[in-house]
Amino acid sequence: MFDVEEFWKFDLRVGKVLAAERVSGSKKLIKLDVDFGSERRTIVTGIADQVDPEILVGKKMVFVLNLKPKRMMGVESQGMLLLAEEDGGRIHLIEVPDEVPVGTKVW
């Protein structure tokens, strides 16, 4: 178990996906261009086997921003998309209502 103070260390923010495309040479990776209000970041997510990149464009979702950058298939990811995953591995997008501004802190 973790103390709640550990949870507060994560910077969770609402971001809007501006563009999404498959990463060349990968069956699972999608490269996202995400607007967080004060900045834009590239986020790589491994959901292309279950989600078409095109449906992500325009969606507001929650991202973790203060993780160390990670390079995947030559693309640097500057955060992580939060998703819901069933025990069997099926994933679900967690969308944020349109009226919530990009960059809003989530807790």
N, C-alpha and C. Protein backbone atom coordinates (compact mmCIF):
# COMPACT_ATOMS: atom_id res chain seq x y z
N MET A 1 0.83 -1.18 0.00
CA MET A 1 0.00 0.00 0.00
C MET A 1 0.88 1.26 0.00
N PHE A 2 0.33 2.31 -0.57
CA PHE A 2 1.04 3.57 -0.65
C PHE A 2 0.33 4.62 0.18
N ASP A 3 1.10 5.51 0.74
CA ASP A 3 0.55 6.65 1.45
C ASP A 3 0.02 7.63 0.41
N VAL A 4 -1.02 8.38 0.75
CA VAL A 4 -1.61 9.33 -0.19
C VAL A 4 -0.59 10.35 -0.68
N GLU A 5 0.42 10.62 0.11
CA GLU A 5 1.46 11.56 -0.30
C GLU A 5 2.18 11.08 -1.56
N GLU A 6 2.29 9.77 -1.74
CA GLU A 6 2.89 9.22 -2.96
C GLU A 6 2.04 9.56 -4.17
N PHE A 7 0.73 9.48 -4.03
CA PHE A 7 -0.18 9.79 -5.14
C PHE A 7 -0.04 11.23 -5.59
N TRP A 8 0.09 12.15 -4.65
CA TRP A 8 0.17 13.57 -4.98
C TRP A 8 1.42 13.93 -5.78
N LYS A 9 2.38 13.03 -5.86
CA LYS A 9 3.60 13.29 -6.64
C LYS A 9 3.34 13.25 -8.14
N PHE A 10 2.28 12.57 -8.56
CA PHE A 10 1.98 12.47 -9.99
C PHE A 10 1.27 13.72 -10.48
N ASP A 11 1.72 14.23 -11.63
CA ASP A 11 1.10 15.39 -12.26
C ASP A 11 0.14 14.88 -13.33
N LEU A 12 -1.13 14.78 -12.97
CA LEU A 12 -2.17 14.31 -13.88
C LEU A 12 -2.88 15.52 -14.46
N ARG A 13 -2.96 15.60 -15.79
CA ARG A 13 -3.54 16.76 -16.46
C ARG A 13 -4.46 16.33 -17.60
N VAL A 14 -5.43 17.21 -17.89
CA VAL A 14 -6.30 17.02 -19.04
C VAL A 14 -5.58 17.53 -20.28
N GLY A 15 -5.55 16.70 -21.31
CA GLY A 15 -4.96 17.09 -22.58
C GLY A 15 -5.92 16.76 -23.71
N LYS A 16 -5.81 17.52 -24.80
CA LYS A 16 -6.64 17.28 -25.98
C LYS A 16 -5.74 16.78 -27.11
N VAL A 17 -6.13 15.65 -27.69
CA VAL A 17 -5.36 15.05 -28.77
C VAL A 17 -5.59 15.84 -30.05
N LEU A 18 -4.51 16.42 -30.59
CA LEU A 18 -4.58 17.20 -31.82
C LEU A 18 -4.32 16.35 -33.06
N ALA A 19 -3.48 15.32 -32.90
CA ALA A 19 -3.15 14.42 -34.01
C ALA A 19 -2.76 13.07 -33.43
N ALA A 20 -3.01 12.01 -34.22
CA ALA A 20 -2.67 10.65 -33.80
C ALA A 20 -2.30 9.85 -35.03
N GLU A 21 -1.20 9.10 -34.92
CA GLU A 21 -0.78 8.27 -36.05
C GLU A 21 -0.04 7.04 -35.54
N ARG A 22 -0.14 5.97 -36.31
CA ARG A 22 0.61 4.76 -35.96
C ARG A 22 2.10 5.02 -36.07
N VAL A 23 2.87 4.39 -35.19
CA VAL A 23 4.32 4.48 -35.24
C VAL A 23 4.79 3.44 -36.25
N SER A 24 5.55 3.88 -37.23
CA SER A 24 6.05 3.00 -38.29
C SER A 24 6.83 1.83 -37.71
N GLY A 25 6.50 0.62 -38.17
CA GLY A 25 7.21 -0.58 -37.73
C GLY A 25 6.64 -1.22 -36.48
N SER A 26 5.59 -0.62 -35.90
CA SER A 26 5.00 -1.16 -34.67
C SER A 26 3.54 -1.52 -34.91
N LYS A 27 3.10 -2.63 -34.31
CA LYS A 27 1.70 -3.04 -34.41
C LYS A 27 0.85 -2.41 -33.32
N LYS A 28 1.48 -1.93 -32.23
CA LYS A 28 0.72 -1.45 -31.08
C LYS A 28 0.85 0.04 -30.79
N LEU A 29 1.90 0.67 -31.24
CA LEU A 29 2.17 2.05 -30.80
C LEU A 29 1.47 3.11 -31.66
N ILE A 30 0.96 4.11 -30.95
CA ILE A 30 0.36 5.29 -31.56
C ILE A 30 1.07 6.52 -31.00
N LYS A 31 1.45 7.42 -31.89
CA LYS A 31 2.08 8.69 -31.49
C LYS A 31 0.99 9.76 -31.45
N LEU A 32 0.86 10.41 -30.31
CA LEU A 32 -0.14 11.47 -30.12
C LEU A 32 0.54 12.82 -30.00
N ASP A 33 -0.07 13.83 -30.59
CA ASP A 33 0.32 15.22 -30.39
C ASP A 33 -0.77 15.80 -29.50
N VAL A 34 -0.41 16.18 -28.26
CA VAL A 34 -1.40 16.55 -27.26
C VAL A 34 -1.20 17.98 -26.77
N ASP A 35 -2.31 18.72 -26.71
CA ASP A 35 -2.32 20.10 -26.23
C ASP A 35 -2.67 20.10 -24.74
N PHE A 36 -1.81 20.73 -23.93
CA PHE A 36 -2.06 20.87 -22.49
C PHE A 36 -2.27 22.33 -22.10
N GLY A 37 -2.59 23.17 -23.07
CA GLY A 37 -2.82 24.58 -22.80
C GLY A 37 -1.55 25.39 -22.88
N SER A 38 -0.67 25.23 -21.92
CA SER A 38 0.58 26.00 -21.90
C SER A 38 1.69 25.33 -22.70
N GLU A 39 1.46 24.10 -23.14
CA GLU A 39 2.47 23.37 -23.91
C GLU A 39 1.83 22.24 -24.70
N ARG A 40 2.58 21.76 -25.71
CA ARG A 40 2.20 20.58 -26.47
C ARG A 40 3.26 19.52 -26.23
N ARG A 41 2.82 18.26 -26.17
CA ARG A 41 3.76 17.16 -25.96
C ARG A 41 3.44 16.01 -26.89
N THR A 42 4.48 15.21 -27.13
CA THR A 42 4.31 13.95 -27.84
C THR A 42 4.15 12.85 -26.79
N ILE A 43 3.09 12.08 -26.93
CA ILE A 43 2.83 10.96 -26.03
C ILE A 43 2.70 9.71 -26.90
N VAL A 44 3.38 8.64 -26.54
CA VAL A 44 3.26 7.37 -27.25
C VAL A 44 2.48 6.41 -26.37
N THR A 45 1.49 5.75 -26.97
CA THR A 45 0.65 4.81 -26.24
C THR A 45 0.54 3.50 -27.02
N GLY A 46 0.49 2.39 -26.33
CA GLY A 46 0.49 1.07 -26.96
C GLY A 46 -0.90 0.47 -27.11
N ILE A 47 -1.79 1.17 -27.79
CA ILE A 47 -3.18 0.70 -27.90
C ILE A 47 -3.65 0.51 -29.34
N ALA A 48 -2.75 0.57 -30.31
CA ALA A 48 -3.15 0.49 -31.72
C ALA A 48 -3.77 -0.85 -32.09
N ASP A 49 -3.54 -1.88 -31.29
CA ASP A 49 -4.15 -3.18 -31.57
C ASP A 49 -5.63 -3.19 -31.18
N GLN A 50 -6.09 -2.16 -30.44
CA GLN A 50 -7.49 -2.10 -30.01
C GLN A 50 -8.20 -0.81 -30.41
N VAL A 51 -7.45 0.22 -30.74
CA VAL A 51 -8.05 1.52 -31.03
C VAL A 51 -7.43 2.09 -32.31
N ASP A 52 -8.28 2.57 -33.23
CA ASP A 52 -7.79 3.24 -34.43
C ASP A 52 -7.35 4.66 -34.04
N PRO A 53 -6.18 5.07 -34.48
CA PRO A 53 -5.68 6.40 -34.12
C PRO A 53 -6.66 7.53 -34.45
N GLU A 54 -7.37 7.41 -35.55
CA GLU A 54 -8.26 8.48 -36.00
C GLU A 54 -9.33 8.84 -34.96
N ILE A 55 -9.79 7.86 -34.18
CA ILE A 55 -10.87 8.16 -33.22
C ILE A 55 -10.36 8.93 -32.00
N LEU A 56 -9.04 9.00 -31.84
CA LEU A 56 -8.47 9.71 -30.69
C LEU A 56 -8.42 11.22 -30.91
N VAL A 57 -8.38 11.65 -32.16
CA VAL A 57 -8.23 13.07 -32.48
C VAL A 57 -9.45 13.85 -31.97
N GLY A 58 -9.17 14.91 -31.22
CA GLY A 58 -10.22 15.76 -30.68
C GLY A 58 -10.69 15.36 -29.29
N LYS A 59 -10.27 14.20 -28.81
CA LYS A 59 -10.70 13.75 -27.48
C LYS A 59 -9.87 14.39 -26.38
N LYS A 60 -10.54 14.71 -25.28
CA LYS A 60 -9.85 15.17 -24.07
C LYS A 60 -9.75 13.97 -23.14
N MET A 61 -8.53 13.72 -22.66
CA MET A 61 -8.28 12.59 -21.78
C MET A 61 -7.27 13.00 -20.71
N VAL A 62 -6.99 12.09 -19.79
CA VAL A 62 -6.08 12.36 -18.69
C VAL A 62 -4.71 11.73 -18.99
N PHE A 63 -3.67 12.51 -18.73
CA PHE A 63 -2.29 12.08 -18.98
C PHE A 63 -1.45 12.32 -17.73
N VAL A 64 -0.41 11.50 -17.55
CA VAL A 64 0.60 11.71 -16.50
C VAL A 64 1.75 12.44 -17.17
N LEU A 65 2.11 13.61 -16.63
CA LEU A 65 3.12 14.44 -17.29
C LEU A 65 4.51 14.40 -16.67
N ASN A 66 4.64 14.02 -15.42
CA ASN A 66 5.96 14.13 -14.79
C ASN A 66 6.68 12.78 -14.68
N LEU A 67 6.58 11.99 -15.75
CA LEU A 67 7.37 10.76 -15.85
C LEU A 67 8.63 11.07 -16.66
N LYS A 68 9.66 10.28 -16.46
CA LYS A 68 10.87 10.43 -17.27
C LYS A 68 10.51 10.11 -18.72
N PRO A 69 11.01 10.90 -19.68
CA PRO A 69 10.75 10.59 -21.09
C PRO A 69 11.25 9.18 -21.43
N LYS A 70 10.52 8.52 -22.33
CA LYS A 70 10.89 7.16 -22.73
C LYS A 70 10.83 7.07 -24.24
N ARG A 71 11.89 6.51 -24.84
CA ARG A 71 11.97 6.36 -26.29
C ARG A 71 11.42 4.98 -26.67
N MET A 72 10.45 4.99 -27.60
CA MET A 72 9.85 3.75 -28.09
C MET A 72 9.84 3.78 -29.61
N MET A 73 10.48 2.81 -30.23
CA MET A 73 10.56 2.71 -31.70
C MET A 73 11.03 4.04 -32.30
N GLY A 74 11.98 4.69 -31.64
CA GLY A 74 12.56 5.91 -32.16
C GLY A 74 11.80 7.19 -31.85
N VAL A 75 10.67 7.08 -31.14
CA VAL A 75 9.87 8.26 -30.80
C VAL A 75 9.92 8.46 -29.28
N GLU A 76 10.24 9.69 -28.85
CA GLU A 76 10.28 9.98 -27.42
C GLU A 76 8.89 10.33 -26.90
N SER A 77 8.46 9.57 -25.90
CA SER A 77 7.18 9.83 -25.24
C SER A 77 7.43 10.71 -24.02
N GLN A 78 6.65 11.79 -23.91
CA GLN A 78 6.83 12.75 -22.82
C GLN A 78 5.68 12.70 -21.83
N GLY A 79 5.16 11.52 -21.60
CA GLY A 79 4.05 11.33 -20.66
C GLY A 79 3.36 10.02 -20.93
N MET A 80 2.21 9.84 -20.28
CA MET A 80 1.49 8.58 -20.40
C MET A 80 -0.01 8.85 -20.39
N LEU A 81 -0.73 8.19 -21.29
CA LEU A 81 -2.19 8.25 -21.34
C LEU A 81 -2.76 7.29 -20.32
N LEU A 82 -3.75 7.75 -19.52
CA LEU A 82 -4.43 6.87 -18.59
C LEU A 82 -5.62 6.22 -19.27
N LEU A 83 -5.79 4.92 -19.03
CA LEU A 83 -6.85 4.12 -19.62
C LEU A 83 -7.47 3.22 -18.56
N ALA A 84 -8.61 2.65 -18.88
CA ALA A 84 -9.19 1.60 -18.04
C ALA A 84 -8.95 0.28 -18.76
N GLU A 85 -8.53 -0.76 -18.02
CA GLU A 85 -8.27 -2.07 -18.63
C GLU A 85 -8.97 -3.16 -17.84
N GLU A 86 -9.75 -3.96 -18.56
CA GLU A 86 -10.43 -5.10 -17.95
C GLU A 86 -9.42 -6.20 -17.66
N ASP A 87 -9.79 -7.16 -16.81
CA ASP A 87 -8.90 -8.27 -16.48
C ASP A 87 -8.45 -9.02 -17.73
N GLY A 88 -9.30 -9.12 -18.73
CA GLY A 88 -8.96 -9.83 -19.95
C GLY A 88 -8.09 -9.04 -20.91
N GLY A 89 -7.77 -7.78 -20.59
CA GLY A 89 -6.89 -6.98 -21.42
C GLY A 89 -7.59 -5.97 -22.31
N ARG A 90 -8.92 -6.03 -22.38
CA ARG A 90 -9.64 -5.06 -23.20
C ARG A 90 -9.54 -3.68 -22.55
N ILE A 91 -9.21 -2.66 -23.37
CA ILE A 91 -9.05 -1.32 -22.82
C ILE A 91 -10.24 -0.44 -23.18
N HIS A 92 -10.42 0.59 -22.35
CA HIS A 92 -11.46 1.59 -22.56
C HIS A 92 -10.84 2.97 -22.38
N LEU A 93 -11.19 3.88 -23.27
CA LEU A 93 -10.74 5.25 -23.15
C LEU A 93 -11.51 5.93 -22.04
N ILE A 94 -10.85 6.80 -21.29
CA ILE A 94 -11.49 7.59 -20.25
C ILE A 94 -11.53 9.02 -20.76
N GLU A 95 -12.69 9.43 -21.24
CA GLU A 95 -12.82 10.77 -21.83
C GLU A 95 -13.24 11.79 -20.79
N VAL A 96 -12.76 13.01 -20.96
CA VAL A 96 -13.06 14.13 -20.08
C VAL A 96 -14.11 15.01 -20.78
N PRO A 97 -15.12 15.49 -20.06
CA PRO A 97 -16.15 16.34 -20.68
C PRO A 97 -15.55 17.57 -21.37
N ASP A 98 -16.18 18.00 -22.45
CA ASP A 98 -15.70 19.13 -23.25
C ASP A 98 -15.51 20.41 -22.44
N GLU A 99 -16.35 20.62 -21.41
CA GLU A 99 -16.28 21.90 -20.67
C GLU A 99 -15.05 21.99 -19.76
N VAL A 100 -14.32 20.89 -19.56
CA VAL A 100 -13.10 20.92 -18.74
C VAL A 100 -11.95 21.45 -19.60
N PRO A 101 -11.31 22.55 -19.19
CA PRO A 101 -10.22 23.13 -19.99
C PRO A 101 -9.00 22.23 -20.05
N VAL A 102 -8.28 22.28 -21.20
CA VAL A 102 -7.02 21.55 -21.30
C VAL A 102 -6.06 22.13 -20.26
N GLY A 103 -5.21 21.26 -19.72
CA GLY A 103 -4.25 21.67 -18.71
C GLY A 103 -4.77 21.56 -17.29
N THR A 104 -6.08 21.28 -17.12
CA THR A 104 -6.66 21.18 -15.79
C THR A 104 -6.01 20.02 -15.02
N LYS A 105 -5.65 20.26 -13.78
CA LYS A 105 -5.06 19.23 -12.91
C LYS A 105 -6.13 18.24 -12.48
N VAL A 106 -5.77 16.97 -12.47
CA VAL A 106 -6.68 15.89 -12.06
C VAL A 106 -6.15 15.28 -10.77
N TRP A 107 -7.06 15.00 -9.84
CA TRP A 107 -6.68 14.36 -8.58
C TRP A 107 -7.81 13.55 -8.04
